[in-house]
Amino acid sequence: MNLGSFADSIGQLIEKTHLVAQIKAFDIVGLFTNPWFLVPFIALVGYLLYKQAFRDLIILGLILGVWYVSGTPYMHTLVVGDQIQISKVLPVVFGGAAVLGLIIYLLLGRSD
């Protein structure tokens, strides 16, 4: 199987499962009130607290923060029509670089 046919099969799978539509219709409130997500999530946070893995908790919090910020109305105004609003994109780029730098520092810069 070559790479082109593999990519085509992945594309067909995405179309068949309507993955893009599911992502667009995502409900964060519904997720955090769903016990099938909430119980394992609380168990993970509890386990990380028990193991005193504060670095991992900070990284998990950063990932959840980026996920939350990506759904705010501000993010929907970054592209108006076919034009990228540079004055709105630059703070997002610098904020993303700061978060990425912090994650890299937490993973590689410190020894536990």
Protein backbone atom coordinates (compact mmCIF):
# COMPACT_ATOMS: atom_id res chain seq x y z
CA MET A 1 0.00 0.00 0.00
CA ASN A 2 1.51 3.31 -0.99
CA LEU A 3 1.13 6.58 0.84
CA GLY A 4 -1.41 8.04 -1.62
CA SER A 5 -3.89 5.19 -1.26
CA PHE A 6 -3.45 5.26 2.53
CA ALA A 7 -4.25 8.99 2.61
CA ASP A 8 -7.27 8.38 0.36
CA SER A 9 -8.57 5.67 2.69
CA ILE A 10 -8.17 8.01 5.69
CA GLY A 11 -10.03 10.75 3.78
CA GLN A 12 -12.85 8.34 2.95
CA LEU A 13 -13.06 7.28 6.60
CA ILE A 14 -13.33 10.91 7.72
CA GLU A 15 -16.08 11.57 5.17
CA LYS A 16 -17.96 8.39 6.06
CA THR A 17 -17.95 9.09 9.81
CA HIS A 18 -18.80 12.82 9.39
CA LEU A 19 -15.92 13.70 11.71
CA VAL A 20 -15.76 17.36 10.65
CA ALA A 21 -19.47 17.87 11.38
CA GLN A 22 -19.08 16.17 14.76
CA ILE A 23 -16.21 18.48 15.71
CA LYS A 24 -18.19 21.55 14.67
CA ALA A 25 -21.21 20.42 16.73
CA PHE A 26 -19.10 19.73 19.85
CA ASP A 27 -20.69 20.74 23.17
CA ILE A 28 -18.20 21.37 25.99
CA VAL A 29 -20.93 21.77 28.62
CA GLY A 30 -22.36 18.43 27.60
CA LEU A 31 -18.93 16.84 27.86
CA PHE A 32 -18.25 18.06 31.39
CA THR A 33 -21.70 16.94 32.55
CA ASN A 34 -21.32 13.50 30.98
CA PRO A 35 -20.33 10.94 33.64
CA TRP A 36 -18.59 8.75 31.04
CA PHE A 37 -16.05 11.55 30.59
CA LEU A 38 -16.18 13.17 34.01
CA VAL A 39 -15.44 10.10 36.15
CA PRO A 40 -12.22 9.11 34.31
CA PHE A 41 -11.16 12.77 34.13
CA ILE A 42 -11.59 13.25 37.89
CA ALA A 43 -9.81 9.93 38.46
CA LEU A 44 -6.88 11.14 36.33
CA VAL A 45 -6.65 14.44 38.20
CA GLY A 46 -6.90 12.62 41.52
CA TYR A 47 -4.19 10.19 40.49
CA LEU A 48 -1.89 13.01 39.38
CA LEU A 49 -2.48 14.77 42.69
CA TYR A 50 -1.77 11.54 44.60
CA LYS A 51 1.47 11.03 42.68
CA GLN A 52 2.28 14.74 43.15
CA ALA A 53 2.80 15.10 39.40
CA PHE A 54 2.28 18.84 39.42
CA ARG A 55 4.16 19.26 36.14
CA ASP A 56 1.67 16.97 34.42
CA LEU A 57 -1.25 18.77 36.07
CA ILE A 58 0.05 22.11 34.80
CA ILE A 59 0.42 20.70 31.27
CA LEU A 60 -3.10 19.23 31.44
CA GLY A 61 -4.43 22.60 32.61
CA LEU A 62 -2.62 24.40 29.78
CA ILE A 63 -4.06 22.00 27.22
CA LEU A 64 -7.57 22.47 28.61
CA GLY A 65 -7.03 26.24 28.62
CA VAL A 66 -5.96 26.27 24.97
CA TRP A 67 -8.94 24.08 24.14
CA TYR A 68 -11.28 26.50 25.92
CA VAL A 69 -9.75 29.59 24.32
CA SER A 70 -10.00 28.05 20.85
CA GLY A 71 -13.80 28.05 21.16
CA THR A 72 -14.23 31.66 22.28
CA PRO A 73 -15.94 34.26 20.08
CA TYR A 74 -12.59 36.06 19.72
CA MET A 75 -11.22 33.11 17.76
CA HIS A 76 -14.15 33.24 15.37
CA THR A 77 -13.22 36.82 14.40
CA LEU A 78 -9.65 35.99 13.35
CA VAL A 79 -10.72 35.39 9.76
CA VAL A 80 -13.39 37.66 8.30
CA GLY A 81 -14.47 36.55 4.85
CA ASP A 82 -11.23 35.52 3.16
CA GLN A 83 -9.06 38.02 5.06
CA ILE A 84 -6.92 37.19 8.09
CA GLN A 85 -7.06 39.95 10.70
CA ILE A 86 -3.37 40.37 11.50
CA SER A 87 -4.01 42.66 14.47
CA LYS A 88 -6.05 39.86 16.07
CA VAL A 89 -3.84 36.97 15.03
CA LEU A 90 -0.59 38.29 16.50
CA PRO A 91 -1.70 38.05 20.17
CA VAL A 92 -2.86 34.49 19.53
CA VAL A 93 0.49 33.59 17.95
CA PHE A 94 2.49 35.11 20.81
CA GLY A 95 0.22 33.51 23.41
CA GLY A 96 0.56 30.14 21.70
CA ALA A 97 4.34 30.55 21.58
CA ALA A 98 4.39 31.36 25.30
CA VAL A 99 2.29 28.29 26.16
CA LEU A 100 4.42 26.07 23.93
CA GLY A 101 7.59 27.50 25.49
CA LEU A 102 6.26 26.79 28.97
CA ILE A 103 5.37 23.21 28.05
CA ILE A 104 8.82 22.66 26.52
CA TYR A 105 10.44 24.13 29.65
CA LEU A 106 8.36 21.87 31.89
CA LEU A 107 9.20 18.77 29.86
CA LEU A 108 12.85 19.38 29.03
CA GLY A 109 14.19 22.27 31.10
CA ARG A 110 13.81 20.95 34.60
CA SER A 111 14.89 17.75 36.21
CA ASP A 112 12.69 16.18 38.86
